[in-house]
Amino acid sequence: MSMLANAPTMTPTMAPNSDRPGNASTKEVSGTQLRDLKKKLPLRVLSEDDFAHWQTYGYVVVPNAVPAEQVKATVDLLWEFEEMDPNDPESWGRPQMRDNAMKELNNSGMVEIYNHQTLWDNRQTQRVYDAFVDIWDRTDLWVSIDRANLNTPNKGTRAFDGFIHWDADTSADPLPINVQGVLSLVDTTDDMGGFQCVPDLFANFEEWRKTAPADRDPFRPDMDTVPYTPKRIAMKAGDLVIFNSLLAHGIRANRSDQARIAQYISMAPATPEEQDLVDWRVKSWSERLPARGYAFPGDPRNWEQTRYERAKLTPLGEKLLGKTPW
C-alpha cells in the first residue's frame, strides 16, 4: 500500500441521502490540493505534459482507456436498459423514467444503472486504474459506485439546454479535494453535446474567488458574469477524461441526430477503517444498489436486481470495491 507523506487525509463520510451534489460512495479528502501535489511515484499512463496540464487546467484525457469490445458491450447494455432501439430514433423520445432531485439533470440522459458486470469490467480495467494512480500518486484506491449516460437528441420530451456546475462546495475553507471521470463510449462531435468544462476558471480559480460575490451559488457559477468560456472536450470512444471536482463542468445540449453515450468512473483513496462505508459499498455491489445521495434516484423498475446477475470481480476489482483490503 502506498501511504505517502504528501497524500491527502480523510474527512467524515457524507450522509447516505446528502442534500447537496456529490457522490458519497467514496469519501472526500483533505490535505494537499491535487494541483499542488508533488509526484513521488513514477507515471504509469500520463506523460509529464499530461500531468502538468491536469494540474494547471483541472482535466486530462486518457486515450483508449478501455478496449473496443468493452465499449461496444457497454453501449449495447445501455440501449437495452433504456428500452430504446439504437436503429429507431422514434424510440428515443420516451420520457425519462424518474425525475431528478438535482433538476439540471432532468432530460440529460442519466441512466440509473450502477453495478452491472459491464460497468465493473470498465472500472477494473488496468489502464483506468493506473491513470487514477497517476492522479492521486498512491495505489490504494476505491472506485466510485456511479451510473452512465445516454443523451439522445435534446428535443420534444427530451428537451435539455445543458448546464455548468460543481459537485463540490467551492465556498468551503479549506476547499474540498476530489476527482471525477467520464468514459466516452462514442466519438463525440461539436453538436453531440457531451462533456464541457471551464479550464481557464480552474487555472485562475483563487483569484476569481476573491472577487466573486459573497452570496454566489457555491455549486453553480453564474456564467453571465464569469469571464471565461466553457470548452467542449473532444473525445473518442474509449477515452476517459479525469477532472478535478473544483473544475466547473457539465453536459452540453445534444443538437445532433445521434446519441451521446458515456459511463461515469472515478477513484479516490480507500478508507478501510470506515467500516460502515465498506459495508455499504459491498452491499451496493452484491445487491446492485444505486449510489448514495439525493442526485441518484435509481431505477423504478429494479432491473438490476431482477434481470442481471451480481458482477464478477477480478482481484483488482475486489480491492477497488473494498471487499479485499489493499
C-alpha atoms as a PDB file:
ATOM      1  CA  MET A   1       0.000   0.000   0.000  1.00  0.00           C
ATOM      2  CA  SER A   2       1.289   3.464  -0.902  1.00  0.00           C
ATOM      3  CA  MET A   3       0.895   5.897   2.009  1.00  0.00           C
ATOM      4  CA  LEU A   4       2.869   8.973   1.005  1.00  0.00           C
ATOM      5  CA  ALA A   5       3.858  11.931   3.115  1.00  0.00           C
ATOM      6  CA  ASN A   6       2.036  14.442   0.937  1.00  0.00           C
ATOM      7  CA  ALA A   7      -1.016  12.235   0.346  1.00  0.00           C
ATOM      8  CA  PRO A   8      -4.392  13.712   1.334  1.00  0.00           C
ATOM      9  CA  THR A   9      -6.072  12.646   4.576  1.00  0.00           C
ATOM     10  CA  MET A  10      -9.697  11.751   5.187  1.00  0.00           C
ATOM     11  CA  THR A  11     -12.703  13.754   6.374  1.00  0.00           C
ATOM     12  CA  PRO A  12     -16.037  12.389   7.721  1.00  0.00           C
ATOM     13  CA  THR A  13     -18.316  10.340   5.474  1.00  0.00           C
ATOM     14  CA  MET A  14     -21.172  12.131   3.718  1.00  0.00           C
ATOM     15  CA  ALA A  15     -24.659  11.103   4.788  1.00  0.00           C
ATOM     16  CA  PRO A  16     -26.365   8.455   2.624  1.00  0.00           C
ATOM     17  CA  ASN A  17     -29.022  10.960   1.495  1.00  0.00           C
ATOM     18  CA  SER A  18     -26.937  14.108   1.269  1.00  0.00           C
ATOM     19  CA  ASP A  19     -28.923  17.194   0.263  1.00  0.00           C
ATOM     20  CA  ARG A  20     -26.141  18.545  -1.920  1.00  0.00           C
ATOM     21  CA  PRO A  21     -24.333  17.433  -5.085  1.00  0.00           C
ATOM     22  CA  GLY A  22     -21.636  14.786  -4.977  1.00  0.00           C
ATOM     23  CA  ASN A  23     -21.298  11.034  -4.919  1.00  0.00           C
ATOM     24  CA  ALA A  24     -20.954   9.653  -1.382  1.00  0.00           C
ATOM     25  CA  SER A  25     -19.745   6.193  -2.421  1.00  0.00           C
ATOM     26  CA  THR A  26     -16.205   7.333  -1.612  1.00  0.00           C
ATOM     27  CA  LYS A  27     -15.031   9.971   0.842  1.00  0.00           C
ATOM     28  CA  GLU A  28     -13.904  13.478   0.136  1.00  0.00           C
ATOM     29  CA  VAL A  29     -10.381  14.123   1.358  1.00  0.00           C
ATOM     30  CA  SER A  30      -8.371  16.942   2.871  1.00  0.00           C
ATOM     31  CA  GLY A  31      -4.700  17.841   2.810  1.00  0.00           C
ATOM     32  CA  THR A  32      -2.627  18.873  -0.203  1.00  0.00           C
ATOM     33  CA  GLN A  33      -4.690  20.151  -3.124  1.00  0.00           C
ATOM     34  CA  LEU A  34      -4.109  17.884  -6.113  1.00  0.00           C
ATOM     35  CA  ARG A  35      -2.998  20.819  -8.256  1.00  0.00           C
ATOM     36  CA  ASP A  36      -0.130  21.290  -5.770  1.00  0.00           C
ATOM     37  CA  LEU A  37       0.785  17.641  -5.238  1.00  0.00           C
ATOM     38  CA  LYS A  38       4.440  16.724  -5.866  1.00  0.00           C
ATOM     39  CA  LYS A  39       4.778  13.366  -7.601  1.00  0.00           C
ATOM     40  CA  LYS A  40       6.714  10.578  -5.888  1.00  0.00           C
ATOM     41  CA  LEU A  41       5.506   7.550  -7.823  1.00  0.00           C
ATOM     42  CA  PRO A  42       6.555   7.126 -11.462  1.00  0.00           C
ATOM     43  CA  LEU A  43       3.872   7.931 -14.021  1.00  0.00           C
ATOM     44  CA  ARG A  44       2.131   4.853 -15.429  1.00  0.00           C
ATOM     45  CA  VAL A  45      -0.226   6.255 -18.080  1.00  0.00           C
ATOM     46  CA  LEU A  46       0.072  10.041 -18.167  1.00  0.00           C
ATOM     47  CA  SER A  47       3.031  11.853 -19.684  1.00  0.00           C
ATOM     48  CA  GLU A  48       4.797  14.690 -17.882  1.00  0.00           C
ATOM     49  CA  ASP A  49       2.954  17.146 -20.150  1.00  0.00           C
ATOM     50  CA  ASP A  50      -0.368  15.409 -19.372  1.00  0.00           C
ATOM     51  CA  PHE A  51       0.246  15.758 -15.652  1.00  0.00           C
ATOM     52  CA  ALA A  52       1.224  19.427 -15.982  1.00  0.00           C
ATOM     53  CA  HIS A  53      -1.950  20.106 -17.989  1.00  0.00           C
ATOM     54  CA  TRP A  54      -4.025  18.281 -15.343  1.00  0.00           C
ATOM     55  CA  GLN A  55      -2.595  20.403 -12.541  1.00  0.00           C
ATOM     56  CA  THR A  56      -2.949  23.675 -14.463  1.00  0.00           C
ATOM     57  CA  TYR A  57      -6.364  23.285 -16.101  1.00  0.00           C
ATOM     58  CA  GLY A  58      -8.029  20.635 -13.933  1.00  0.00           C
ATOM     59  CA  TYR A  59      -8.580  17.901 -16.515  1.00  0.00           C
ATOM     60  CA  VAL A  60      -6.738  15.356 -18.644  1.00  0.00           C
ATOM     61  CA  VAL A  61      -7.901  12.966 -21.377  1.00  0.00           C
ATOM     62  CA  VAL A  62      -6.630   9.371 -21.280  1.00  0.00           C
ATOM     63  CA  PRO A  63      -6.979   7.885 -24.790  1.00  0.00           C
ATOM     64  CA  ASN A  64      -8.036   4.270 -25.287  1.00  0.00           C
ATOM     65  CA  ALA A  65      -8.680   3.741 -21.585  1.00  0.00           C
ATOM     66  CA  VAL A  66     -10.779   0.629 -22.261  1.00  0.00           C
ATOM     67  CA  PRO A  67     -10.703  -1.727 -25.275  1.00  0.00           C
ATOM     68  CA  ALA A  68     -13.222  -1.518 -28.115  1.00  0.00           C
ATOM     69  CA  GLU A  69     -15.038  -4.727 -27.191  1.00  0.00           C
ATOM     70  CA  GLN A  70     -15.855  -3.338 -23.737  1.00  0.00           C
ATOM     71  CA  VAL A  71     -17.039  -0.083 -25.263  1.00  0.00           C
ATOM     72  CA  LYS A  72     -19.440  -1.956 -27.549  1.00  0.00           C
ATOM     73  CA  ALA A  73     -20.730  -4.177 -24.723  1.00  0.00           C
ATOM     74  CA  THR A  74     -21.477  -1.108 -22.595  1.00  0.00           C
ATOM     75  CA  VAL A  75     -23.233   0.715 -25.439  1.00  0.00           C
ATOM     76  CA  ASP A  76     -25.401  -2.335 -26.159  1.00  0.00           C
ATOM     77  CA  LEU A  77     -26.262  -2.669 -22.466  1.00  0.00           C
ATOM     78  CA  LEU A  78     -27.331   0.975 -22.098  1.00  0.00           C
ATOM     79  CA  TRP A  79     -29.642   0.893 -25.121  1.00  0.00           C
ATOM     80  CA  GLU A  80     -31.208  -2.281 -23.725  1.00  0.00           C
ATOM     81  CA  PHE A  81     -31.545  -0.835 -20.222  1.00  0.00           C
ATOM     82  CA  GLU A  82     -33.218   2.330 -21.513  1.00  0.00           C
ATOM     83  CA  GLU A  83     -35.626   0.243 -23.642  1.00  0.00           C
ATOM     84  CA  MET A  84     -34.593   2.074 -26.799  1.00  0.00           C
ATOM     85  CA  ASP A  85     -33.623   0.779 -30.222  1.00  0.00           C
ATOM     86  CA  PRO A  86     -30.393   2.388 -31.495  1.00  0.00           C
ATOM     87  CA  ASN A  87     -31.646   1.951 -35.060  1.00  0.00           C
ATOM     88  CA  ASP A  88     -35.071   3.501 -34.432  1.00  0.00           C
ATOM     89  CA  PRO A  89     -34.943   7.196 -33.485  1.00  0.00           C
ATOM     90  CA  GLU A  90     -38.701   7.083 -32.883  1.00  0.00           C
ATOM     91  CA  SER A  91     -37.980   5.008 -29.763  1.00  0.00           C
ATOM     92  CA  TRP A  92     -35.632   7.639 -28.336  1.00  0.00           C
ATOM     93  CA  GLY A  93     -38.312  10.095 -27.286  1.00  0.00           C
ATOM     94  CA  ARG A  94     -39.747   8.137 -24.373  1.00  0.00           C
ATOM     95  CA  PRO A  95     -39.837  10.236 -21.166  1.00  0.00           C
ATOM     96  CA  GLN A  96     -37.176   9.691 -18.521  1.00  0.00           C
ATOM     97  CA  MET A  97     -38.199   7.022 -16.026  1.00  0.00           C
ATOM     98  CA  ARG A  98     -37.835   9.127 -12.882  1.00  0.00           C
ATOM     99  CA  ASP A  99     -37.298  12.845 -12.296  1.00  0.00           C
ATOM    100  CA  ASN A 100     -34.052  14.007 -10.701  1.00  0.00           C
ATOM    101  CA  ALA A 101     -33.985  15.987  -7.459  1.00  0.00           C
ATOM    102  CA  MET A 102     -30.974  17.765  -8.993  1.00  0.00           C
ATOM    103  CA  LYS A 103     -33.187  19.474 -11.555  1.00  0.00           C
ATOM    104  CA  GLU A 104     -30.458  20.384 -14.055  1.00  0.00           C
ATOM    105  CA  LEU A 105     -30.051  16.651 -14.716  1.00  0.00           C
ATOM    106  CA  ASN A 106     -33.612  16.211 -15.956  1.00  0.00           C
ATOM    107  CA  ASN A 107     -33.612  15.055 -19.594  1.00  0.00           C
ATOM    108  CA  SER A 108     -29.801  14.963 -19.622  1.00  0.00           C
ATOM    109  CA  GLY A 109     -29.881  11.204 -20.276  1.00  0.00           C
ATOM    110  CA  MET A 110     -28.783   9.814 -16.924  1.00  0.00           C
ATOM    111  CA  VAL A 111     -29.063   6.002 -16.905  1.00  0.00           C
ATOM    112  CA  GLU A 112     -29.853   4.599 -13.468  1.00  0.00           C
ATOM    113  CA  ILE A 113     -27.623   1.522 -13.688  1.00  0.00           C
ATOM    114  CA  TYR A 114     -24.771   1.119 -11.213  1.00  0.00           C
ATOM    115  CA  ASN A 115     -23.404  -2.382 -10.686  1.00  0.00           C
ATOM    116  CA  HIS A 116     -23.836  -4.372 -13.893  1.00  0.00           C
ATOM    117  CA  GLN A 117     -20.968  -6.641 -14.965  1.00  0.00           C
ATOM    118  CA  THR A 118     -20.208  -4.429 -17.972  1.00  0.00           C
ATOM    119  CA  LEU A 119     -19.769  -1.337 -15.808  1.00  0.00           C
ATOM    120  CA  TRP A 120     -17.484  -3.244 -13.471  1.00  0.00           C
ATOM    121  CA  ASP A 121     -15.449  -4.577 -16.392  1.00  0.00           C
ATOM    122  CA  ASN A 122     -14.617  -0.977 -17.292  1.00  0.00           C
ATOM    123  CA  ARG A 123     -13.900   0.023 -13.688  1.00  0.00           C
ATOM    124  CA  GLN A 124     -11.473  -2.843 -13.143  1.00  0.00           C
ATOM    125  CA  THR A 125      -9.560  -2.246 -16.387  1.00  0.00           C
ATOM    126  CA  GLN A 126      -5.864  -1.875 -15.520  1.00  0.00           C
ATOM    127  CA  ARG A 127      -5.294   1.225 -17.654  1.00  0.00           C
ATOM    128  CA  VAL A 128      -8.203   3.033 -15.983  1.00  0.00           C
ATOM    129  CA  TYR A 129      -6.844   2.215 -12.532  1.00  0.00           C
ATOM    130  CA  ASP A 130      -3.290   3.183 -13.484  1.00  0.00           C
ATOM    131  CA  ALA A 131      -4.475   6.593 -14.704  1.00  0.00           C
ATOM    132  CA  PHE A 132      -6.043   7.325 -11.314  1.00  0.00           C
ATOM    133  CA  VAL A 133      -2.867   6.115  -9.579  1.00  0.00           C
ATOM    134  CA  ASP A 134      -1.052   8.819 -11.556  1.00  0.00           C
ATOM    135  CA  ILE A 135      -3.586  11.433 -10.444  1.00  0.00           C
ATOM    136  CA  TRP A 136      -3.588  10.559  -6.734  1.00  0.00           C
ATOM    137  CA  ASP A 137       0.076   9.445  -6.502  1.00  0.00           C
ATOM    138  CA  ARG A 138      -0.966   6.413  -4.488  1.00  0.00           C
ATOM    139  CA  THR A 139      -2.097   2.883  -5.261  1.00  0.00           C
ATOM    140  CA  ASP A 140      -4.701   2.184  -2.543  1.00  0.00           C
ATOM    141  CA  LEU A 141      -7.822   3.441  -4.321  1.00  0.00           C
ATOM    142  CA  TRP A 142     -11.541   2.729  -4.312  1.00  0.00           C
ATOM    143  CA  VAL A 143     -13.717   3.217  -7.382  1.00  0.00           C
ATOM    144  CA  SER A 144     -16.925   5.230  -7.188  1.00  0.00           C
ATOM    145  CA  ILE A 145     -20.298   3.500  -7.482  1.00  0.00           C
ATOM    146  CA  ASP A 146     -21.767   5.550 -10.308  1.00  0.00           C
ATOM    147  CA  ARG A 147     -24.037   5.380 -13.339  1.00  0.00           C
ATOM    148  CA  ALA A 148     -23.989   6.041 -17.085  1.00  0.00           C
ATOM    149  CA  ASN A 149     -25.430   8.485 -19.609  1.00  0.00           C
ATOM    150  CA  LEU A 150     -27.349   8.026 -22.846  1.00  0.00           C
ATOM    151  CA  ASN A 151     -28.242  11.501 -24.041  1.00  0.00           C
ATOM    152  CA  THR A 152     -30.424  11.305 -27.132  1.00  0.00           C
ATOM    153  CA  PRO A 153     -31.060  14.415 -29.284  1.00  0.00           C
ATOM    154  CA  ASN A 154     -32.477  17.086 -26.993  1.00  0.00           C
ATOM    155  CA  LYS A 155     -35.886  17.796 -28.457  1.00  0.00           C
ATOM    156  CA  GLY A 156     -39.526  17.028 -27.721  1.00  0.00           C
ATOM    157  CA  THR A 157     -39.886  15.175 -24.417  1.00  0.00           C
ATOM    158  CA  ARG A 158     -36.076  15.135 -24.166  1.00  0.00           C
ATOM    159  CA  ALA A 159     -35.565  18.898 -24.398  1.00  0.00           C
ATOM    160  CA  PHE A 160     -32.455  19.940 -22.467  1.00  0.00           C
ATOM    161  CA  ASP A 161     -30.211  23.014 -22.690  1.00  0.00           C
ATOM    162  CA  GLY A 162     -27.075  21.829 -20.902  1.00  0.00           C
ATOM    163  CA  PHE A 163     -25.503  23.111 -17.680  1.00  0.00           C
ATOM    164  CA  ILE A 164     -22.284  24.045 -15.879  1.00  0.00           C
ATOM    165  CA  HIS A 165     -21.882  23.272 -12.177  1.00  0.00           C
ATOM    166  CA  TRP A 166     -19.578  21.980  -9.451  1.00  0.00           C
ATOM    167  CA  ASP A 167     -20.221  18.837  -7.404  1.00  0.00           C
ATOM    168  CA  ALA A 168     -18.028  20.277  -4.641  1.00  0.00           C
ATOM    169  CA  ASP A 169     -18.725  23.233  -2.336  1.00  0.00           C
ATOM    170  CA  THR A 170     -16.491  25.962  -3.765  1.00  0.00           C
ATOM    171  CA  SER A 171     -17.170  28.254  -0.797  1.00  0.00           C
ATOM    172  CA  ALA A 172     -15.660  25.809   1.711  1.00  0.00           C
ATOM    173  CA  ASP A 173     -12.495  26.636   3.614  1.00  0.00           C
ATOM    174  CA  PRO A 174     -10.405  24.620   3.152  1.00  0.00           C
ATOM    175  CA  LEU A 175     -11.595  23.663  -0.301  1.00  0.00           C
ATOM    176  CA  PRO A 176     -12.616  20.013  -0.791  1.00  0.00           C
ATOM    177  CA  ILE A 177     -10.403  17.613  -2.738  1.00  0.00           C
ATOM    178  CA  ASN A 178     -11.848  15.064  -5.126  1.00  0.00           C
ATOM    179  CA  VAL A 179     -11.757  13.946  -8.751  1.00  0.00           C
ATOM    180  CA  GLN A 180     -14.371  12.774 -11.231  1.00  0.00           C
ATOM    181  CA  GLY A 181     -14.229  10.951 -14.546  1.00  0.00           C
ATOM    182  CA  VAL A 182     -16.219  10.309 -17.725  1.00  0.00           C
ATOM    183  CA  LEU A 183     -15.575   7.374 -20.048  1.00  0.00           C
ATOM    184  CA  SER A 184     -16.806   8.253 -23.535  1.00  0.00           C
ATOM    185  CA  LEU A 185     -18.489   5.342 -25.314  1.00  0.00           C
ATOM    186  CA  VAL A 186     -18.913   7.099 -28.671  1.00  0.00           C
ATOM    187  CA  ASP A 187     -16.916   9.532 -30.765  1.00  0.00           C
ATOM    188  CA  THR A 188     -18.272  12.977 -29.925  1.00  0.00           C
ATOM    189  CA  THR A 189     -18.724  15.861 -32.354  1.00  0.00           C
ATOM    190  CA  ASP A 190     -19.310  19.568 -31.726  1.00  0.00           C
ATOM    191  CA  ASP A 191     -23.087  19.251 -31.960  1.00  0.00           C
ATOM    192  CA  MET A 192     -23.442  15.994 -29.978  1.00  0.00           C
ATOM    193  CA  GLY A 193     -23.235  17.566 -26.558  1.00  0.00           C
ATOM    194  CA  GLY A 194     -21.069  15.651 -24.137  1.00  0.00           C
ATOM    195  CA  PHE A 195     -18.603  16.869 -21.528  1.00  0.00           C
ATOM    196  CA  GLN A 196     -17.833  20.559 -21.217  1.00  0.00           C
ATOM    197  CA  CYS A 197     -15.812  22.494 -18.649  1.00  0.00           C
ATOM    198  CA  VAL A 198     -14.254  25.899 -17.905  1.00  0.00           C
ATOM    199  CA  PRO A 199     -10.496  25.212 -17.664  1.00  0.00           C
ATOM    200  CA  ASP A 200      -9.471  28.880 -17.512  1.00  0.00           C
ATOM    201  CA  LEU A 201     -11.689  29.360 -14.457  1.00  0.00           C
ATOM    202  CA  PHE A 202      -9.867  26.480 -12.776  1.00  0.00           C
ATOM    203  CA  ALA A 203      -6.467  27.900 -13.742  1.00  0.00           C
ATOM    204  CA  ASN A 204      -7.411  31.260 -12.180  1.00  0.00           C
ATOM    205  CA  PHE A 205      -9.745  29.939  -9.512  1.00  0.00           C
ATOM    206  CA  GLU A 206      -8.237  31.542  -6.401  1.00  0.00           C
ATOM    207  CA  GLU A 207      -8.061  34.991  -7.983  1.00  0.00           C
ATOM    208  CA  TRP A 208     -11.623  34.695  -9.313  1.00  0.00           C
ATOM    209  CA  ARG A 209     -12.923  33.527  -5.940  1.00  0.00           C
ATOM    210  CA  LYS A 210     -11.558  36.662  -4.258  1.00  0.00           C
ATOM    211  CA  THR A 211     -13.712  38.898  -6.470  1.00  0.00           C
ATOM    212  CA  ALA A 212     -16.803  36.685  -6.767  1.00  0.00           C
ATOM    213  CA  PRO A 213     -19.996  37.826  -4.965  1.00  0.00           C
ATOM    214  CA  ALA A 214     -20.225  36.658  -1.356  1.00  0.00           C
ATOM    215  CA  ASP A 215     -23.763  35.367  -1.918  1.00  0.00           C
ATOM    216  CA  ARG A 216     -22.931  33.374  -5.066  1.00  0.00           C
ATOM    217  CA  ASP A 217     -24.163  29.803  -5.526  1.00  0.00           C
ATOM    218  CA  PRO A 218     -21.154  27.675  -4.457  1.00  0.00           C
ATOM    219  CA  PHE A 219     -22.333  24.789  -6.651  1.00  0.00           C
ATOM    220  CA  ARG A 220     -23.198  26.674  -9.836  1.00  0.00           C
ATOM    221  CA  PRO A 221     -21.220  29.525 -11.407  1.00  0.00           C
ATOM    222  CA  ASP A 222     -23.106  32.417 -12.968  1.00  0.00           C
ATOM    223  CA  MET A 223     -21.721  32.077 -16.478  1.00  0.00           C
ATOM    224  CA  ASP A 224     -23.093  35.519 -17.392  1.00  0.00           C
ATOM    225  CA  THR A 225     -20.517  37.052 -15.049  1.00  0.00           C
ATOM    226  CA  VAL A 226     -17.650  34.527 -15.200  1.00  0.00           C
ATOM    227  CA  PRO A 227     -15.014  35.978 -17.582  1.00  0.00           C
ATOM    228  CA  TYR A 228     -14.150  32.602 -19.104  1.00  0.00           C
ATOM    229  CA  THR A 229     -15.745  30.497 -21.831  1.00  0.00           C
ATOM    230  CA  PRO A 230     -16.826  26.843 -21.456  1.00  0.00           C
ATOM    231  CA  LYS A 231     -14.845  24.435 -23.602  1.00  0.00           C
ATOM    232  CA  ARG A 232     -16.099  21.252 -25.213  1.00  0.00           C
ATOM    233  CA  ILE A 233     -13.643  18.394 -24.731  1.00  0.00           C
ATOM    234  CA  ALA A 234     -13.376  16.255 -27.861  1.00  0.00           C
ATOM    235  CA  MET A 235     -13.312  12.545 -27.078  1.00  0.00           C
ATOM    236  CA  LYS A 236     -13.228   9.266 -28.968  1.00  0.00           C
ATOM    237  CA  ALA A 237     -14.984   6.070 -27.935  1.00  0.00           C
ATOM    238  CA  GLY A 238     -12.922   4.511 -25.142  1.00  0.00           C
ATOM    239  CA  ASP A 239     -11.324   7.795 -23.996  1.00  0.00           C
ATOM    240  CA  LEU A 240     -11.502   8.733 -20.309  1.00  0.00           C
ATOM    241  CA  VAL A 241     -11.485  12.337 -19.087  1.00  0.00           C
ATOM    242  CA  ILE A 242     -10.443  12.765 -15.448  1.00  0.00           C
ATOM    243  CA  PHE A 243     -11.184  16.133 -13.886  1.00  0.00           C
ATOM    244  CA  ASN A 244     -10.734  17.920 -10.586  1.00  0.00           C
ATOM    245  CA  SER A 245     -14.009  18.444  -8.715  1.00  0.00           C
ATOM    246  CA  LEU A 246     -13.111  22.156  -8.452  1.00  0.00           C
ATOM    247  CA  LEU A 247     -13.335  22.366 -12.256  1.00  0.00           C
ATOM    248  CA  ALA A 248     -16.691  23.829 -13.300  1.00  0.00           C
ATOM    249  CA  HIS A 249     -18.154  21.267 -15.694  1.00  0.00           C
ATOM    250  CA  GLY A 250     -21.337  19.848 -17.134  1.00  0.00           C
ATOM    251  CA  ILE A 251     -23.089  18.459 -20.196  1.00  0.00           C
ATOM    252  CA  ARG A 252     -23.740  20.322 -23.446  1.00  0.00           C
ATOM    253  CA  ALA A 253     -27.072  20.048 -25.200  1.00  0.00           C
ATOM    254  CA  ASN A 254     -27.182  17.389 -27.915  1.00  0.00           C
ATOM    255  CA  ARG A 255     -28.167  19.176 -31.146  1.00  0.00           C
ATOM    256  CA  SER A 256     -27.191  16.265 -33.408  1.00  0.00           C
ATOM    257  CA  ASP A 257     -29.185  13.297 -34.701  1.00  0.00           C
ATOM    258  CA  GLN A 258     -27.096  10.812 -32.685  1.00  0.00           C
ATOM    259  CA  ALA A 259     -26.883   9.778 -29.038  1.00  0.00           C
ATOM    260  CA  ARG A 260     -24.044  10.751 -26.738  1.00  0.00           C
ATOM    261  CA  ILE A 261     -23.195   7.755 -24.506  1.00  0.00           C
ATOM    262  CA  ALA A 262     -20.821   7.634 -21.533  1.00  0.00           C
ATOM    263  CA  GLN A 263     -20.059   5.987 -18.178  1.00  0.00           C
ATOM    264  CA  TYR A 264     -19.012   7.887 -15.055  1.00  0.00           C
ATOM    265  CA  ILE A 265     -15.906   6.418 -13.409  1.00  0.00           C
ATOM    266  CA  SER A 266     -13.811   7.938 -10.643  1.00  0.00           C
ATOM    267  CA  MET A 267     -11.467   6.748  -7.916  1.00  0.00           C
ATOM    268  CA  ALA A 268     -10.418   8.106  -4.532  1.00  0.00           C
ATOM    269  CA  PRO A 269      -8.187   6.972  -1.668  1.00  0.00           C
ATOM    270  CA  ALA A 270      -9.512   3.858   0.074  1.00  0.00           C
ATOM    271  CA  THR A 271     -10.701   4.229   3.679  1.00  0.00           C
ATOM    272  CA  PRO A 272     -10.933   0.666   5.037  1.00  0.00           C
ATOM    273  CA  GLU A 273     -11.166   1.979   8.602  1.00  0.00           C
ATOM    274  CA  GLU A 274     -14.656   3.301   7.768  1.00  0.00           C
ATOM    275  CA  GLN A 275     -16.476   0.011   8.277  1.00  0.00           C
ATOM    276  CA  ASP A 276     -19.942   1.449   7.607  1.00  0.00           C
ATOM    277  CA  LEU A 277     -18.759   2.686   4.227  1.00  0.00           C
ATOM    278  CA  VAL A 278     -17.056  -0.633   3.444  1.00  0.00           C
ATOM    279  CA  ASP A 279     -20.256  -2.489   4.316  1.00  0.00           C
ATOM    280  CA  TRP A 280     -22.379  -0.182   2.167  1.00  0.00           C
ATOM    281  CA  ARG A 281     -20.058  -0.475  -0.831  1.00  0.00           C
ATOM    282  CA  VAL A 282     -20.020  -4.267  -0.695  1.00  0.00           C
ATOM    283  CA  LYS A 283     -23.805  -4.326  -0.257  1.00  0.00           C
ATOM    284  CA  SER A 284     -24.241  -1.979  -3.219  1.00  0.00           C
ATOM    285  CA  TRP A 285     -22.251  -4.368  -5.427  1.00  0.00           C
ATOM    286  CA  SER A 286     -23.863  -7.510  -4.007  1.00  0.00           C
ATOM    287  CA  GLU A 287     -27.458  -6.260  -4.171  1.00  0.00           C
ATOM    288  CA  ARG A 288     -26.998  -3.987  -7.209  1.00  0.00           C
ATOM    289  CA  LEU A 289     -27.964  -0.751  -5.425  1.00  0.00           C
ATOM    290  CA  PRO A 290     -27.588   2.841  -6.698  1.00  0.00           C
ATOM    291  CA  ALA A 291     -25.118   5.400  -5.366  1.00  0.00           C
ATOM    292  CA  ARG A 292     -25.831   7.276  -2.156  1.00  0.00           C
ATOM    293  CA  GLY A 293     -27.113  10.847  -2.347  1.00  0.00           C
ATOM    294  CA  TYR A 294     -30.141  12.792  -3.500  1.00  0.00           C
ATOM    295  CA  ALA A 295     -28.809  13.102  -7.052  1.00  0.00           C
ATOM    296  CA  PHE A 296     -29.150   9.353  -7.727  1.00  0.00           C
ATOM    297  CA  PRO A 297     -32.849   8.393  -7.904  1.00  0.00           C
ATOM    298  CA  GLY A 298     -32.348   4.784  -9.010  1.00  0.00           C
ATOM    299  CA  ASP A 299     -34.310   2.652 -11.479  1.00  0.00           C
ATOM    300  CA  PRO A 300     -38.051   2.373 -10.621  1.00  0.00           C
ATOM    301  CA  ARG A 301     -38.204  -0.991 -12.459  1.00  0.00           C
ATOM    302  CA  ASN A 302     -35.422  -2.550 -10.319  1.00  0.00           C
ATOM    303  CA  TRP A 303     -33.975  -4.231 -13.388  1.00  0.00           C
ATOM    304  CA  GLU A 304     -30.523  -4.649 -11.872  1.00  0.00           C
ATOM    305  CA  GLN A 305     -31.997  -6.776  -9.092  1.00  0.00           C
ATOM    306  CA  THR A 306     -34.450  -8.749 -11.231  1.00  0.00           C
ATOM    307  CA  ARG A 307     -32.735  -9.151 -14.613  1.00  0.00           C
ATOM    308  CA  TYR A 308     -28.987  -9.157 -14.032  1.00  0.00           C
ATOM    309  CA  GLU A 309     -26.585 -11.278 -12.033  1.00  0.00           C
ATOM    310  CA  ARG A 310     -24.114  -9.991  -9.480  1.00  0.00           C
ATOM    311  CA  ALA A 311     -20.945  -8.780 -11.223  1.00  0.00           C
ATOM    312  CA  LYS A 312     -17.859 -10.975 -11.043  1.00  0.00           C
ATOM    313  CA  LEU A 313     -14.849  -9.064  -9.804  1.00  0.00           C
ATOM    314  CA  THR A 314     -11.194  -9.557 -10.638  1.00  0.00           C
ATOM    315  CA  PRO A 315      -8.633  -9.390  -7.811  1.00  0.00           C
ATOM    316  CA  LEU A 316      -8.130  -5.726  -8.733  1.00  0.00           C
ATOM    317  CA  GLY A 317     -11.897  -5.173  -8.773  1.00  0.00           C
ATOM    318  CA  GLU A 318     -12.270  -6.622  -5.258  1.00  0.00           C
ATOM    319  CA  LYS A 319      -9.691  -4.143  -3.983  1.00  0.00           C
ATOM    320  CA  LEU A 320     -11.289  -1.259  -5.856  1.00  0.00           C
ATOM    321  CA  LEU A 321     -14.613  -2.149  -4.231  1.00  0.00           C
ATOM    322  CA  GLY A 322     -13.155  -2.595  -0.739  1.00  0.00           C
ATOM    323  CA  LYS A 323     -14.171  -6.248  -0.489  1.00  0.00           C
ATOM    324  CA  THR A 324     -10.485  -7.184  -0.292  1.00  0.00           C
ATOM    325  CA  PRO A 325      -8.050  -4.875   1.510  1.00  0.00           C
ATOM    326  CA  TRP A 326      -5.066  -3.303  -0.202  1.00  0.00           C
END
